[in-house]
Amino acid sequence: MTISYDKLWKLLIDKKMNRTDLKDASGISFNVLAKMGKNEFVSMESLHKICLTLKCDVGDIMEFIDEGENESS
């Protein structure tokens, strides 16, 4: 099972924010953003900071994807 932050990147576009804006507003590090850009796991604390900043739930910014699942469906 892998993780995808595509929902986060789409949400940032909708809110007219870039990754640097998110980093500065939420207080997460550049390393956390880099990990998220590679769809790697990050701490719940970082996800919580992002959710507080964007006023959303964790399911609005990430999802788990089965490796056998077709991503286009």
N, C-alpha and C. Protein backbone atom coordinates (compact mmCIF):
# COMPACT_ATOMS: atom_id res chain seq x y z
N MET A 1 0.86 -1.17 0.00
CA MET A 1 0.00 0.00 0.00
C MET A 1 0.90 1.23 0.00
N THR A 2 0.58 2.16 -0.88
CA THR A 2 1.36 3.39 -0.97
C THR A 2 0.49 4.57 -0.56
N ILE A 3 1.12 5.71 -0.46
CA ILE A 3 0.43 6.92 -0.05
C ILE A 3 0.50 7.93 -1.19
N SER A 4 -0.52 8.74 -1.31
CA SER A 4 -0.56 9.77 -2.34
C SER A 4 -1.02 11.08 -1.71
N TYR A 5 -0.29 12.15 -2.04
CA TYR A 5 -0.66 13.48 -1.58
C TYR A 5 -1.25 14.33 -2.71
N ASP A 6 -1.73 13.67 -3.78
CA ASP A 6 -2.29 14.41 -4.91
C ASP A 6 -3.44 15.33 -4.48
N LYS A 7 -4.22 14.87 -3.51
CA LYS A 7 -5.33 15.71 -3.02
C LYS A 7 -4.81 17.01 -2.42
N LEU A 8 -3.67 16.95 -1.74
CA LEU A 8 -3.08 18.16 -1.16
C LEU A 8 -2.67 19.13 -2.25
N TRP A 9 -2.00 18.63 -3.28
CA TRP A 9 -1.52 19.53 -4.33
C TRP A 9 -2.70 20.18 -5.07
N LYS A 10 -3.78 19.43 -5.27
CA LYS A 10 -4.98 20.00 -5.90
C LYS A 10 -5.62 21.05 -4.98
N LEU A 11 -5.64 20.77 -3.68
CA LEU A 11 -6.21 21.72 -2.72
C LEU A 11 -5.41 23.02 -2.70
N LEU A 12 -4.09 22.91 -2.78
CA LEU A 12 -3.25 24.12 -2.81
C LEU A 12 -3.56 24.95 -4.05
N ILE A 13 -3.77 24.29 -5.19
CA ILE A 13 -4.12 25.02 -6.41
C ILE A 13 -5.45 25.75 -6.22
N ASP A 14 -6.43 25.06 -5.63
CA ASP A 14 -7.75 25.67 -5.40
C ASP A 14 -7.65 26.88 -4.47
N LYS A 15 -6.72 26.82 -3.51
CA LYS A 15 -6.55 27.92 -2.56
C LYS A 15 -5.52 28.95 -3.03
N LYS A 16 -5.03 28.76 -4.27
CA LYS A 16 -4.04 29.67 -4.85
C LYS A 16 -2.80 29.82 -3.96
N MET A 17 -2.34 28.67 -3.47
CA MET A 17 -1.14 28.62 -2.63
C MET A 17 -0.10 27.76 -3.34
N ASN A 18 1.18 28.04 -3.07
CA ASN A 18 2.22 27.14 -3.55
C ASN A 18 2.81 26.41 -2.35
N ARG A 19 3.75 25.54 -2.61
CA ARG A 19 4.32 24.72 -1.53
C ARG A 19 5.06 25.55 -0.51
N THR A 20 5.72 26.60 -0.96
CA THR A 20 6.43 27.48 -0.03
C THR A 20 5.46 28.21 0.88
N ASP A 21 4.33 28.66 0.33
CA ASP A 21 3.29 29.29 1.15
C ASP A 21 2.83 28.33 2.24
N LEU A 22 2.61 27.07 1.87
CA LEU A 22 2.15 26.07 2.83
C LEU A 22 3.21 25.85 3.91
N LYS A 23 4.46 25.74 3.50
CA LYS A 23 5.55 25.52 4.45
C LYS A 23 5.61 26.65 5.47
N ASP A 24 5.55 27.88 4.98
CA ASP A 24 5.64 29.05 5.86
C ASP A 24 4.42 29.17 6.78
N ALA A 25 3.23 28.93 6.24
CA ALA A 25 2.01 29.10 7.01
C ALA A 25 1.84 28.01 8.07
N SER A 26 2.26 26.80 7.75
CA SER A 26 2.02 25.67 8.67
C SER A 26 3.19 25.40 9.61
N GLY A 27 4.36 25.87 9.27
CA GLY A 27 5.52 25.63 10.11
C GLY A 27 6.17 24.27 9.89
N ILE A 28 5.85 23.62 8.78
CA ILE A 28 6.52 22.35 8.47
C ILE A 28 7.86 22.66 7.81
N SER A 29 8.73 21.68 7.78
CA SER A 29 10.05 21.89 7.21
C SER A 29 10.07 21.61 5.71
N PHE A 30 11.13 22.09 5.07
CA PHE A 30 11.31 21.80 3.65
C PHE A 30 11.44 20.30 3.43
N ASN A 31 12.08 19.60 4.38
CA ASN A 31 12.25 18.14 4.25
C ASN A 31 10.92 17.41 4.23
N VAL A 32 9.97 17.89 5.03
CA VAL A 32 8.63 17.28 5.03
C VAL A 32 7.99 17.47 3.66
N LEU A 33 8.09 18.67 3.11
CA LEU A 33 7.54 18.93 1.78
C LEU A 33 8.21 18.06 0.73
N ALA A 34 9.51 17.90 0.83
CA ALA A 34 10.23 17.07 -0.12
C ALA A 34 9.76 15.62 -0.05
N LYS A 35 9.56 15.10 1.16
CA LYS A 35 9.06 13.74 1.32
C LYS A 35 7.66 13.61 0.73
N MET A 36 6.83 14.60 0.97
CA MET A 36 5.47 14.56 0.44
C MET A 36 5.48 14.63 -1.08
N GLY A 37 6.42 15.37 -1.63
CA GLY A 37 6.54 15.46 -3.09
C GLY A 37 6.91 14.12 -3.71
N LYS A 38 7.53 13.24 -2.92
CA LYS A 38 7.90 11.89 -3.39
C LYS A 38 6.92 10.83 -2.88
N ASN A 39 5.78 11.28 -2.35
CA ASN A 39 4.76 10.37 -1.80
C ASN A 39 5.34 9.43 -0.75
N GLU A 40 6.15 9.99 0.15
CA GLU A 40 6.69 9.23 1.27
C GLU A 40 5.91 9.56 2.53
N PHE A 41 6.02 8.69 3.53
CA PHE A 41 5.32 8.90 4.79
C PHE A 41 5.94 10.05 5.57
N VAL A 42 5.09 10.86 6.21
CA VAL A 42 5.53 11.94 7.09
C VAL A 42 4.80 11.77 8.43
N SER A 43 5.22 12.53 9.41
CA SER A 43 4.64 12.37 10.75
C SER A 43 3.20 12.88 10.82
N MET A 44 2.47 12.33 11.76
CA MET A 44 1.10 12.80 12.00
C MET A 44 1.13 14.26 12.44
N GLU A 45 2.16 14.64 13.16
CA GLU A 45 2.28 16.04 13.61
C GLU A 45 2.32 16.98 12.40
N SER A 46 3.07 16.62 11.38
CA SER A 46 3.15 17.45 10.18
C SER A 46 1.81 17.50 9.46
N LEU A 47 1.16 16.34 9.36
CA LEU A 47 -0.16 16.31 8.71
C LEU A 47 -1.16 17.15 9.50
N HIS A 48 -1.07 17.11 10.81
CA HIS A 48 -1.97 17.90 11.66
C HIS A 48 -1.76 19.39 11.43
N LYS A 49 -0.51 19.81 11.36
CA LYS A 49 -0.21 21.23 11.11
C LYS A 49 -0.78 21.69 9.77
N ILE A 50 -0.65 20.84 8.76
CA ILE A 50 -1.17 21.18 7.43
C ILE A 50 -2.69 21.28 7.48
N CYS A 51 -3.33 20.32 8.14
CA CYS A 51 -4.80 20.33 8.24
C CYS A 51 -5.30 21.57 8.99
N LEU A 52 -4.62 21.95 10.06
CA LEU A 52 -5.01 23.16 10.79
C LEU A 52 -4.88 24.39 9.90
N THR A 53 -3.79 24.45 9.14
CA THR A 53 -3.54 25.60 8.28
C THR A 53 -4.59 25.70 7.17
N LEU A 54 -4.91 24.57 6.56
CA LEU A 54 -5.84 24.56 5.43
C LEU A 54 -7.29 24.36 5.85
N LYS A 55 -7.52 24.20 7.18
CA LYS A 55 -8.87 23.98 7.72
C LYS A 55 -9.56 22.82 7.00
N CYS A 56 -8.89 21.67 7.05
CA CYS A 56 -9.43 20.49 6.39
C CYS A 56 -9.11 19.26 7.24
N ASP A 57 -9.54 18.11 6.78
CA ASP A 57 -9.30 16.84 7.45
C ASP A 57 -8.18 16.10 6.72
N VAL A 58 -7.55 15.17 7.39
CA VAL A 58 -6.42 14.44 6.80
C VAL A 58 -6.82 13.72 5.52
N GLY A 59 -8.05 13.26 5.43
CA GLY A 59 -8.53 12.61 4.21
C GLY A 59 -8.67 13.55 3.04
N ASP A 60 -8.65 14.85 3.31
CA ASP A 60 -8.73 15.85 2.24
C ASP A 60 -7.37 16.11 1.60
N ILE A 61 -6.29 15.63 2.24
CA ILE A 61 -4.95 15.94 1.72
C ILE A 61 -4.15 14.71 1.33
N MET A 62 -4.59 13.53 1.71
CA MET A 62 -3.85 12.31 1.40
C MET A 62 -4.78 11.13 1.27
N GLU A 63 -4.26 10.07 0.65
CA GLU A 63 -5.01 8.82 0.57
C GLU A 63 -4.04 7.67 0.43
N PHE A 64 -4.47 6.50 0.87
CA PHE A 64 -3.70 5.29 0.69
C PHE A 64 -4.18 4.60 -0.58
N ILE A 65 -3.24 4.10 -1.35
CA ILE A 65 -3.58 3.46 -2.61
C ILE A 65 -3.01 2.05 -2.62
N ASP A 66 -3.88 1.07 -2.94
CA ASP A 66 -3.41 -0.30 -3.10
C ASP A 66 -2.50 -0.35 -4.33
N GLU A 67 -1.37 -1.02 -4.22
CA GLU A 67 -0.43 -1.08 -5.33
C GLU A 67 -1.02 -1.79 -6.53
N GLY A 68 -1.99 -2.68 -6.32
CA GLY A 68 -2.62 -3.37 -7.43
C GLY A 68 -3.77 -2.61 -8.04
N GLU A 69 -4.17 -1.52 -7.39
CA GLU A 69 -5.32 -0.73 -7.84
C GLU A 69 -4.91 0.18 -8.99
N ASN A 70 -5.77 0.29 -9.96
CA ASN A 70 -5.52 1.18 -11.10
C ASN A 70 -5.83 2.60 -10.67
N GLU A 71 -4.85 3.51 -10.74
CA GLU A 71 -5.03 4.88 -10.25
C GLU A 71 -6.01 5.69 -11.10
N SER A 72 -6.30 5.24 -12.32
CA SER A 72 -7.20 6.03 -13.16
C SER A 72 -8.66 5.78 -12.82
N SER A 73 -8.96 4.80 -12.01
CA SER A 73 -10.36 4.51 -11.66
C SER A 73 -10.83 5.34 -10.51
